[in-house]
Amino acid sequence: MFIVVVVSLFALQHIRDYRARQAERLFFEQFEASWHATREYVAVEPHNVHLSWDQTNHTLHYTSADPQYQSMDIPIPETLMCVDPETWFRIQFNHDSAARPRSLICRSKIDGHRYEYRVQMMWGMLHVKK
């Protein structure tokens, strides 16, 4: 009986870790898709869009002064932490699709994996380093 319990606990921990990693992967897919969609939006609309890491609600929050723009929140998995919250605060996408260069870094609490996104050359291009 003891062996069965130990094996079950081991399996449950791996299942939890697997689900947490999947949640992180899904978050980054959503983040990258929303980043590119936002760049496309500001290329055709005269309004800027702001992106911020909302630490209180643990979400990425997109907003705009455009009343037709629907604000968007992307939930951040609890297993991800922001390495430097200031770099994620008020990222602005301008009408020319530009975003100020910076490195956006997250770290996984599961295994310490570091995810780094670099915004380069004022073009708003997102380069991923995993």
Protein backbone atom coordinates (compact mmCIF):
# COMPACT_ATOMS: atom_id res chain seq x y z
CA MET A 1 0.00 0.00 0.00
CA PHE A 2 2.83 2.39 0.89
CA ILE A 3 4.46 1.88 -2.54
CA VAL A 4 1.21 2.64 -4.34
CA VAL A 5 0.77 5.87 -2.34
CA VAL A 6 4.34 7.00 -3.05
CA VAL A 7 4.03 6.28 -6.77
CA SER A 8 0.67 8.08 -6.86
CA LEU A 9 2.07 11.17 -5.14
CA PHE A 10 5.03 11.20 -7.53
CA ALA A 11 2.66 10.95 -10.52
CA LEU A 12 0.40 13.70 -9.17
CA GLN A 13 3.33 16.08 -8.78
CA HIS A 14 4.39 15.45 -12.37
CA ILE A 15 0.84 16.05 -13.58
CA ARG A 16 0.70 19.38 -11.68
CA ASP A 17 4.05 20.45 -13.14
CA TYR A 18 2.93 19.44 -16.63
CA ARG A 19 -0.28 21.48 -16.30
CA ALA A 20 1.64 24.48 -14.97
CA ARG A 21 4.11 24.32 -17.87
CA GLN A 22 1.20 24.08 -20.32
CA ALA A 23 -0.40 27.16 -18.72
CA GLU A 24 2.89 29.04 -19.13
CA ARG A 25 3.20 27.94 -22.77
CA LEU A 26 -0.37 29.05 -23.46
CA PHE A 27 0.26 32.40 -21.79
CA PHE A 28 3.30 33.09 -23.98
CA GLU A 29 1.41 32.06 -27.13
CA GLN A 30 -1.38 34.49 -26.20
CA PHE A 31 1.13 37.21 -25.37
CA GLU A 32 2.94 36.88 -28.70
CA ALA A 33 -0.34 36.79 -30.67
CA SER A 34 -1.72 39.84 -28.83
CA TRP A 35 1.58 41.71 -29.34
CA HIS A 36 1.44 41.19 -33.10
CA ALA A 37 -2.30 41.96 -33.26
CA THR A 38 -1.71 45.20 -31.36
CA ARG A 39 1.07 46.23 -33.74
CA GLU A 40 -1.28 45.61 -36.67
CA TYR A 41 -4.07 47.58 -34.96
CA VAL A 42 -1.96 50.68 -34.31
CA ALA A 43 -0.63 50.57 -37.87
CA VAL A 44 -4.11 51.36 -39.21
CA GLU A 45 -5.69 53.30 -36.33
CA PRO A 46 -4.52 56.75 -35.14
CA HIS A 47 -4.60 55.76 -31.44
CA ASN A 48 -1.82 54.41 -29.27
CA VAL A 49 -2.20 51.24 -27.19
CA HIS A 50 -0.61 50.70 -23.78
CA LEU A 51 0.43 47.39 -22.30
CA SER A 52 1.13 46.88 -18.59
CA TRP A 53 1.83 43.97 -16.28
CA ASP A 54 -0.86 44.31 -13.61
CA GLN A 55 0.76 42.74 -10.54
CA THR A 56 -2.36 43.15 -8.40
CA ASN A 57 -4.62 41.12 -10.71
CA HIS A 58 -1.75 39.08 -12.22
CA THR A 59 -2.68 39.98 -15.80
CA LEU A 60 -1.25 41.71 -18.85
CA HIS A 61 -3.54 44.63 -19.59
CA TYR A 62 -3.93 46.32 -22.99
CA THR A 63 -5.72 49.70 -23.09
CA SER A 64 -6.25 52.54 -25.56
CA ALA A 65 -7.87 55.98 -25.64
CA ASP A 66 -9.84 54.80 -28.68
CA PRO A 67 -13.44 54.13 -27.54
CA GLN A 68 -13.76 51.41 -30.19
CA TYR A 69 -10.72 49.55 -28.88
CA GLN A 70 -11.73 46.73 -26.59
CA SER A 71 -9.37 46.52 -23.62
CA MET A 72 -7.83 43.12 -23.23
CA ASP A 73 -6.54 41.22 -20.21
CA ILE A 74 -4.38 38.13 -20.47
CA PRO A 75 -4.19 36.14 -17.24
CA ILE A 76 -0.65 35.37 -16.12
CA PRO A 77 -0.06 31.93 -14.59
CA GLU A 78 0.80 32.02 -10.89
CA THR A 79 3.99 30.13 -11.69
CA LEU A 80 5.42 33.09 -13.64
CA MET A 81 7.11 36.04 -12.02
CA CYS A 82 8.24 39.25 -13.63
CA VAL A 83 11.98 39.81 -13.18
CA ASP A 84 11.82 43.60 -13.60
CA PRO A 85 8.25 44.94 -13.33
CA GLU A 86 9.27 48.44 -14.47
CA THR A 87 10.12 47.17 -17.97
CA TRP A 88 6.57 45.83 -18.33
CA PHE A 89 4.91 49.05 -17.18
CA ARG A 90 3.15 51.21 -19.79
CA ILE A 91 4.66 49.81 -22.96
CA GLN A 92 3.30 52.11 -25.63
CA PHE A 93 2.56 51.04 -29.19
CA ASN A 94 2.63 54.12 -31.39
CA HIS A 95 0.81 54.68 -34.67
CA ASP A 96 4.02 53.86 -36.55
CA SER A 97 4.02 50.42 -34.79
CA ALA A 98 7.02 51.45 -32.73
CA ALA A 99 7.63 50.45 -29.13
CA ARG A 100 10.59 51.65 -27.09
CA PRO A 101 13.42 49.03 -26.97
CA ARG A 102 13.58 46.97 -23.79
CA SER A 103 13.94 43.42 -22.52
CA LEU A 104 10.87 41.78 -21.01
CA ILE A 105 11.94 38.95 -18.73
CA CYS A 106 9.90 36.35 -16.85
CA ARG A 107 11.04 33.46 -14.70
CA SER A 108 9.17 30.23 -14.04
CA LYS A 109 8.76 29.21 -10.41
CA ILE A 110 8.51 25.59 -11.53
CA ASP A 111 12.03 25.07 -12.78
CA GLY A 112 13.60 28.54 -12.85
CA HIS A 113 13.36 28.71 -16.65
CA ARG A 114 13.94 32.25 -17.95
CA TYR A 115 11.86 33.68 -20.79
CA GLU A 116 13.25 36.79 -22.42
CA TYR A 117 11.53 38.94 -25.02
CA ARG A 118 13.49 41.75 -26.62
CA VAL A 119 11.76 44.67 -28.24
CA GLN A 120 14.29 46.06 -30.67
CA MET A 121 14.98 48.97 -32.97
CA MET A 122 11.81 50.99 -32.18
CA TRP A 123 9.96 48.82 -34.71
CA GLY A 124 8.11 47.02 -31.98
CA MET A 125 9.53 43.73 -33.22
CA LEU A 126 9.53 41.02 -30.59
CA HIS A 127 12.53 38.68 -30.50
CA VAL A 128 12.19 35.64 -28.29
CA LYS A 129 15.00 34.03 -26.33
CA LYS A 130 13.91 30.92 -24.45
